[in-house]
Structures are given as C-alpha cells and as structure tokens.
Amino acid sequence: MEELIQLRESIEKHDFVTALQIVDELDEMSVEAKFNKIFSYMVVLLLHLIKEEAEKRLTKSWKLSINNSVKQINRTNRRRKFGGYYAKKADLIEIIDDAFELALEGAAIEAFGGAYDQPELLNLIDVNGIKNKAISLLDY
C-alpha cells in the first residue's frame, strides 16, 4: 500500500522517473506473487504425479487434484488483458525443479502408506518422466 502512496506523490510532483520505478516494482511484486501461487499448485501436481508413477495407479481423488492443479496453474499464469503468459516454458521448468523436492517429501509420506522414505521412493520413479509429464499438461 505504501508503494501506491509513493506513486501518487511522485505523479503529483511530476517526478515520472520515480513513478516509473515504483510501477516497475509493483509489476515485479505482482509477477512474483503469481509465481509463488504457481509454485504452490506445482507442488500438489508433482506430488500426485509422483504417487501415480510410484504406485502404478491413479485414484479418482488424485486425478481430481491433478486436474485442479493444472487448471489453477494455467489460470494463474494466463495474462488476461494482454494475452500470453507470465511464466514461459523455461520459468515453468525452473518452478518444477524447485518444487520437486517438496513434492517428493509429501509423496514419501502419502505413497504406499508412508512405507518408503524419500531416497527409496526416488528409486521407484522416473524423475525426468514426471517433470516432462507435468510440463506437457501446462499451457505456456
């Protein structure tokens, strides 16, 4: 909120350089918030893809969670007014890489009733295959 007050003051003073710097900062904050939301849904998406791969099955609940995560990621990522996407393919790949460890941690707790720890679960899955599947489900 402080940024908006500073922006108004800068415009009123005709200090457009400062005003544009504040606009850039606000834009960066907005994009960062979108990336954080995408990250959160990506963890859920990956968690269920890991469980599907490890257990060689897909429950209705997991399928619903996968579909919801994909929809929310795509919805958050889409630029409504200007078209295109906030996160390009390279950004989404980076988010997937960042989210994978947290998703693996969750999957280790849930898959097979928690019978495998993270390293053991990692041996049961194709990490690159899961990451590729995740990226193939997304718009970018």
C-alpha atoms as a PDB file:
ATOM      1  CA  MET A   1       0.000   0.000   0.000  1.00  0.00           C
ATOM      2  CA  GLU A   2       2.914   2.316   0.748  1.00  0.00           C
ATOM      3  CA  GLU A   3       4.034   1.985  -2.865  1.00  0.00           C
ATOM      4  CA  LEU A   4       0.716   3.371  -4.108  1.00  0.00           C
ATOM      5  CA  ILE A   5       1.033   6.409  -1.853  1.00  0.00           C
ATOM      6  CA  GLN A   6       4.583   6.977  -3.114  1.00  0.00           C
ATOM      7  CA  LEU A   7       3.377   6.550  -6.689  1.00  0.00           C
ATOM      8  CA  ARG A   8       0.647   9.154  -6.229  1.00  0.00           C
ATOM      9  CA  GLU A   9       3.095  11.591  -4.623  1.00  0.00           C
ATOM     10  CA  SER A  10       5.615  11.100  -7.425  1.00  0.00           C
ATOM     11  CA  ILE A  11       2.988  11.738 -10.086  1.00  0.00           C
ATOM     12  CA  GLU A  12       1.700  14.816  -8.283  1.00  0.00           C
ATOM     13  CA  LYS A  13       5.294  16.137  -8.144  1.00  0.00           C
ATOM     14  CA  HIS A  14       5.761  15.286 -11.827  1.00  0.00           C
ATOM     15  CA  ASP A  15       8.639  13.003 -10.806  1.00  0.00           C
ATOM     16  CA  PHE A  16       7.921  10.481 -13.526  1.00  0.00           C
ATOM     17  CA  VAL A  17      11.264   8.691 -13.240  1.00  0.00           C
ATOM     18  CA  THR A  18      10.483   7.720  -9.647  1.00  0.00           C
ATOM     19  CA  ALA A  19       6.881   6.957 -10.586  1.00  0.00           C
ATOM     20  CA  LEU A  20       8.017   4.554 -13.309  1.00  0.00           C
ATOM     21  CA  GLN A  21      10.450   2.879 -10.912  1.00  0.00           C
ATOM     22  CA  ILE A  22       7.575   2.321  -8.485  1.00  0.00           C
ATOM     23  CA  VAL A  23       5.406   0.932 -11.305  1.00  0.00           C
ATOM     24  CA  ASP A  24       8.222  -1.484 -12.200  1.00  0.00           C
ATOM     25  CA  GLU A  25       8.494  -2.550  -8.559  1.00  0.00           C
ATOM     26  CA  LEU A  26       4.734  -3.115  -8.334  1.00  0.00           C
ATOM     27  CA  ASP A  27       4.806  -5.127 -11.547  1.00  0.00           C
ATOM     28  CA  GLU A  28       7.653  -7.262 -10.207  1.00  0.00           C
ATOM     29  CA  MET A  29       5.755  -7.854  -6.959  1.00  0.00           C
ATOM     30  CA  SER A  30       2.666  -8.916  -8.911  1.00  0.00           C
ATOM     31  CA  VAL A  31       4.590 -11.369 -11.071  1.00  0.00           C
ATOM     32  CA  GLU A  32       6.389 -12.775  -8.008  1.00  0.00           C
ATOM     33  CA  ALA A  33       3.018 -13.358  -6.320  1.00  0.00           C
ATOM     34  CA  LYS A  34       1.815 -15.242  -9.404  1.00  0.00           C
ATOM     35  CA  PHE A  35       4.983 -17.362  -9.500  1.00  0.00           C
ATOM     36  CA  ASN A  36       4.544 -18.198  -5.785  1.00  0.00           C
ATOM     37  CA  LYS A  37       0.968 -19.322  -6.423  1.00  0.00           C
ATOM     38  CA  ILE A  38       2.094 -21.409  -9.391  1.00  0.00           C
ATOM     39  CA  PHE A  39       4.805 -22.976  -7.187  1.00  0.00           C
ATOM     40  CA  SER A  40       2.215 -23.988  -4.573  1.00  0.00           C
ATOM     41  CA  TYR A  41      -0.022 -25.692  -7.123  1.00  0.00           C
ATOM     42  CA  MET A  42       3.034 -27.237  -8.794  1.00  0.00           C
ATOM     43  CA  VAL A  43       3.959 -28.994  -5.549  1.00  0.00           C
ATOM     44  CA  VAL A  44       0.484 -30.553  -5.422  1.00  0.00           C
ATOM     45  CA  LEU A  45       0.610 -31.514  -9.100  1.00  0.00           C
ATOM     46  CA  LEU A  46       4.024 -33.138  -8.772  1.00  0.00           C
ATOM     47  CA  LEU A  47       3.103 -34.903  -5.531  1.00  0.00           C
ATOM     48  CA  HIS A  48       0.230 -36.693  -7.250  1.00  0.00           C
ATOM     49  CA  LEU A  49       2.243 -37.441 -10.386  1.00  0.00           C
ATOM     50  CA  ILE A  50       4.946 -38.976  -8.182  1.00  0.00           C
ATOM     51  CA  LYS A  51       2.374 -41.120  -6.348  1.00  0.00           C
ATOM     52  CA  GLU A  52       0.824 -42.185  -9.661  1.00  0.00           C
ATOM     53  CA  GLU A  53       4.224 -43.201 -11.048  1.00  0.00           C
ATOM     54  CA  ALA A  54       5.371 -44.962  -7.874  1.00  0.00           C
ATOM     55  CA  GLU A  55       2.167 -46.869  -7.149  1.00  0.00           C
ATOM     56  CA  LYS A  56       1.334 -47.509 -10.825  1.00  0.00           C
ATOM     57  CA  ARG A  57      -2.245 -46.416 -10.258  1.00  0.00           C
ATOM     58  CA  LEU A  58      -4.380 -43.284 -10.324  1.00  0.00           C
ATOM     59  CA  THR A  59      -7.267 -42.764  -7.925  1.00  0.00           C
ATOM     60  CA  LYS A  60     -10.206 -40.502  -8.709  1.00  0.00           C
ATOM     61  CA  SER A  61      -9.071 -38.181  -5.922  1.00  0.00           C
ATOM     62  CA  TRP A  62      -5.539 -37.903  -7.336  1.00  0.00           C
ATOM     63  CA  LYS A  63      -6.933 -37.308 -10.826  1.00  0.00           C
ATOM     64  CA  LEU A  64      -9.147 -34.519  -9.473  1.00  0.00           C
ATOM     65  CA  SER A  65      -6.189 -32.973  -7.671  1.00  0.00           C
ATOM     66  CA  ILE A  66      -4.018 -33.178 -10.806  1.00  0.00           C
ATOM     67  CA  ASN A  67      -6.748 -31.581 -12.920  1.00  0.00           C
ATOM     68  CA  ASN A  68      -7.373 -28.847 -10.356  1.00  0.00           C
ATOM     69  CA  SER A  69      -3.666 -28.057 -10.045  1.00  0.00           C
ATOM     70  CA  VAL A  70      -3.228 -27.856 -13.816  1.00  0.00           C
ATOM     71  CA  LYS A  71      -6.284 -25.629 -14.155  1.00  0.00           C
ATOM     72  CA  GLN A  72      -5.141 -23.304 -11.348  1.00  0.00           C
ATOM     73  CA  ILE A  73      -1.574 -23.075 -12.688  1.00  0.00           C
ATOM     74  CA  ASN A  74      -2.824 -22.291 -16.193  1.00  0.00           C
ATOM     75  CA  ARG A  75      -5.385 -19.810 -14.870  1.00  0.00           C
ATOM     76  CA  THR A  76      -2.827 -18.005 -12.695  1.00  0.00           C
ATOM     77  CA  ASN A  77      -0.261 -17.961 -15.474  1.00  0.00           C
ATOM     78  CA  ARG A  78      -2.519 -16.544 -18.197  1.00  0.00           C
ATOM     79  CA  ARG A  79      -2.323 -12.807 -18.924  1.00  0.00           C
ATOM     80  CA  ARG A  80      -5.951 -11.879 -19.336  1.00  0.00           C
ATOM     81  CA  LYS A  81      -5.754  -8.350 -20.719  1.00  0.00           C
ATOM     82  CA  PHE A  82      -2.615  -8.567 -22.839  1.00  0.00           C
ATOM     83  CA  GLY A  83      -2.590 -12.240 -23.785  1.00  0.00           C
ATOM     84  CA  GLY A  84       0.282 -14.631 -23.329  1.00  0.00           C
ATOM     85  CA  TYR A  85       1.666 -15.987 -20.081  1.00  0.00           C
ATOM     86  CA  TYR A  86       3.596 -14.679 -17.096  1.00  0.00           C
ATOM     87  CA  ALA A  87       5.768 -17.787 -16.796  1.00  0.00           C
ATOM     88  CA  LYS A  88       7.271 -19.014 -20.045  1.00  0.00           C
ATOM     89  CA  LYS A  89       8.298 -22.651 -20.527  1.00  0.00           C
ATOM     90  CA  ALA A  90      11.774 -22.040 -19.058  1.00  0.00           C
ATOM     91  CA  ASP A  91      10.208 -20.415 -15.975  1.00  0.00           C
ATOM     92  CA  LEU A  92       7.826 -23.344 -15.528  1.00  0.00           C
ATOM     93  CA  ILE A  93      10.700 -25.822 -15.815  1.00  0.00           C
ATOM     94  CA  GLU A  94      12.560 -23.889 -13.120  1.00  0.00           C
ATOM     95  CA  ILE A  95       9.465 -23.905 -10.895  1.00  0.00           C
ATOM     96  CA  ILE A  96       9.084 -27.660 -11.439  1.00  0.00           C
ATOM     97  CA  ASP A  97      12.724 -28.208 -10.486  1.00  0.00           C
ATOM     98  CA  ASP A  98      12.295 -26.059  -7.360  1.00  0.00           C
ATOM     99  CA  ALA A  99       9.025 -27.719  -6.330  1.00  0.00           C
ATOM    100  CA  PHE A 100      10.094 -31.312  -6.932  1.00  0.00           C
ATOM    101  CA  GLU A 101      11.897 -31.905  -3.638  1.00  0.00           C
ATOM    102  CA  LEU A 102       8.973 -30.634  -1.575  1.00  0.00           C
ATOM    103  CA  ALA A 103       6.571 -32.740  -3.647  1.00  0.00           C
ATOM    104  CA  LEU A 104       8.789 -35.803  -3.145  1.00  0.00           C
ATOM    105  CA  GLU A 105       8.768 -35.198   0.599  1.00  0.00           C
ATOM    106  CA  GLY A 106       4.958 -35.135   0.594  1.00  0.00           C
ATOM    107  CA  ALA A 107       4.701 -38.146  -1.666  1.00  0.00           C
ATOM    108  CA  ALA A 108       7.004 -40.157   0.607  1.00  0.00           C
ATOM    109  CA  ILE A 109       4.561 -39.552   3.443  1.00  0.00           C
ATOM    110  CA  GLU A 110       1.493 -40.460   1.368  1.00  0.00           C
ATOM    111  CA  ALA A 111       2.562 -43.120  -1.151  1.00  0.00           C
ATOM    112  CA  PHE A 112       2.364 -46.737  -0.016  1.00  0.00           C
ATOM    113  CA  GLY A 113       1.136 -45.518   3.381  1.00  0.00           C
ATOM    114  CA  GLY A 114       4.495 -43.864   4.039  1.00  0.00           C
ATOM    115  CA  ALA A 115       6.417 -47.139   3.730  1.00  0.00           C
ATOM    116  CA  TYR A 116       9.282 -45.563   1.751  1.00  0.00           C
ATOM    117  CA  ASP A 117      11.487 -42.625   2.651  1.00  0.00           C
ATOM    118  CA  GLN A 118      12.450 -40.056   0.017  1.00  0.00           C
ATOM    119  CA  PRO A 119      15.580 -41.800  -1.340  1.00  0.00           C
ATOM    120  CA  GLU A 120      13.724 -45.126  -1.571  1.00  0.00           C
ATOM    121  CA  LEU A 121      10.765 -43.517  -3.323  1.00  0.00           C
ATOM    122  CA  LEU A 122      13.143 -41.737  -5.689  1.00  0.00           C
ATOM    123  CA  ASN A 123      14.428 -45.147  -6.817  1.00  0.00           C
ATOM    124  CA  LEU A 124      10.884 -46.172  -7.790  1.00  0.00           C
ATOM    125  CA  ILE A 125      10.161 -43.261 -10.125  1.00  0.00           C
ATOM    126  CA  ASP A 126      11.370 -41.682 -13.351  1.00  0.00           C
ATOM    127  CA  VAL A 127      12.064 -38.107 -12.219  1.00  0.00           C
ATOM    128  CA  ASN A 128      12.556 -36.701 -15.723  1.00  0.00           C
ATOM    129  CA  GLY A 129       9.456 -38.504 -16.961  1.00  0.00           C
ATOM    130  CA  ILE A 130       7.367 -36.957 -14.192  1.00  0.00           C
ATOM    131  CA  LYS A 131       8.787 -33.495 -14.833  1.00  0.00           C
ATOM    132  CA  ASN A 132       8.132 -33.873 -18.567  1.00  0.00           C
ATOM    133  CA  LYS A 133       4.585 -35.022 -17.906  1.00  0.00           C
ATOM    134  CA  ALA A 134       3.983 -32.003 -15.672  1.00  0.00           C
ATOM    135  CA  ILE A 135       5.249 -29.561 -18.294  1.00  0.00           C
ATOM    136  CA  SER A 136       3.195 -31.289 -21.012  1.00  0.00           C
ATOM    137  CA  LEU A 137      -0.005 -30.683 -19.018  1.00  0.00           C
ATOM    138  CA  LEU A 138       0.573 -26.923 -18.809  1.00  0.00           C
ATOM    139  CA  ASP A 139      -0.130 -24.013 -21.126  1.00  0.00           C
ATOM    140  CA  TYR A 140       2.767 -21.658 -21.840  1.00  0.00           C
END
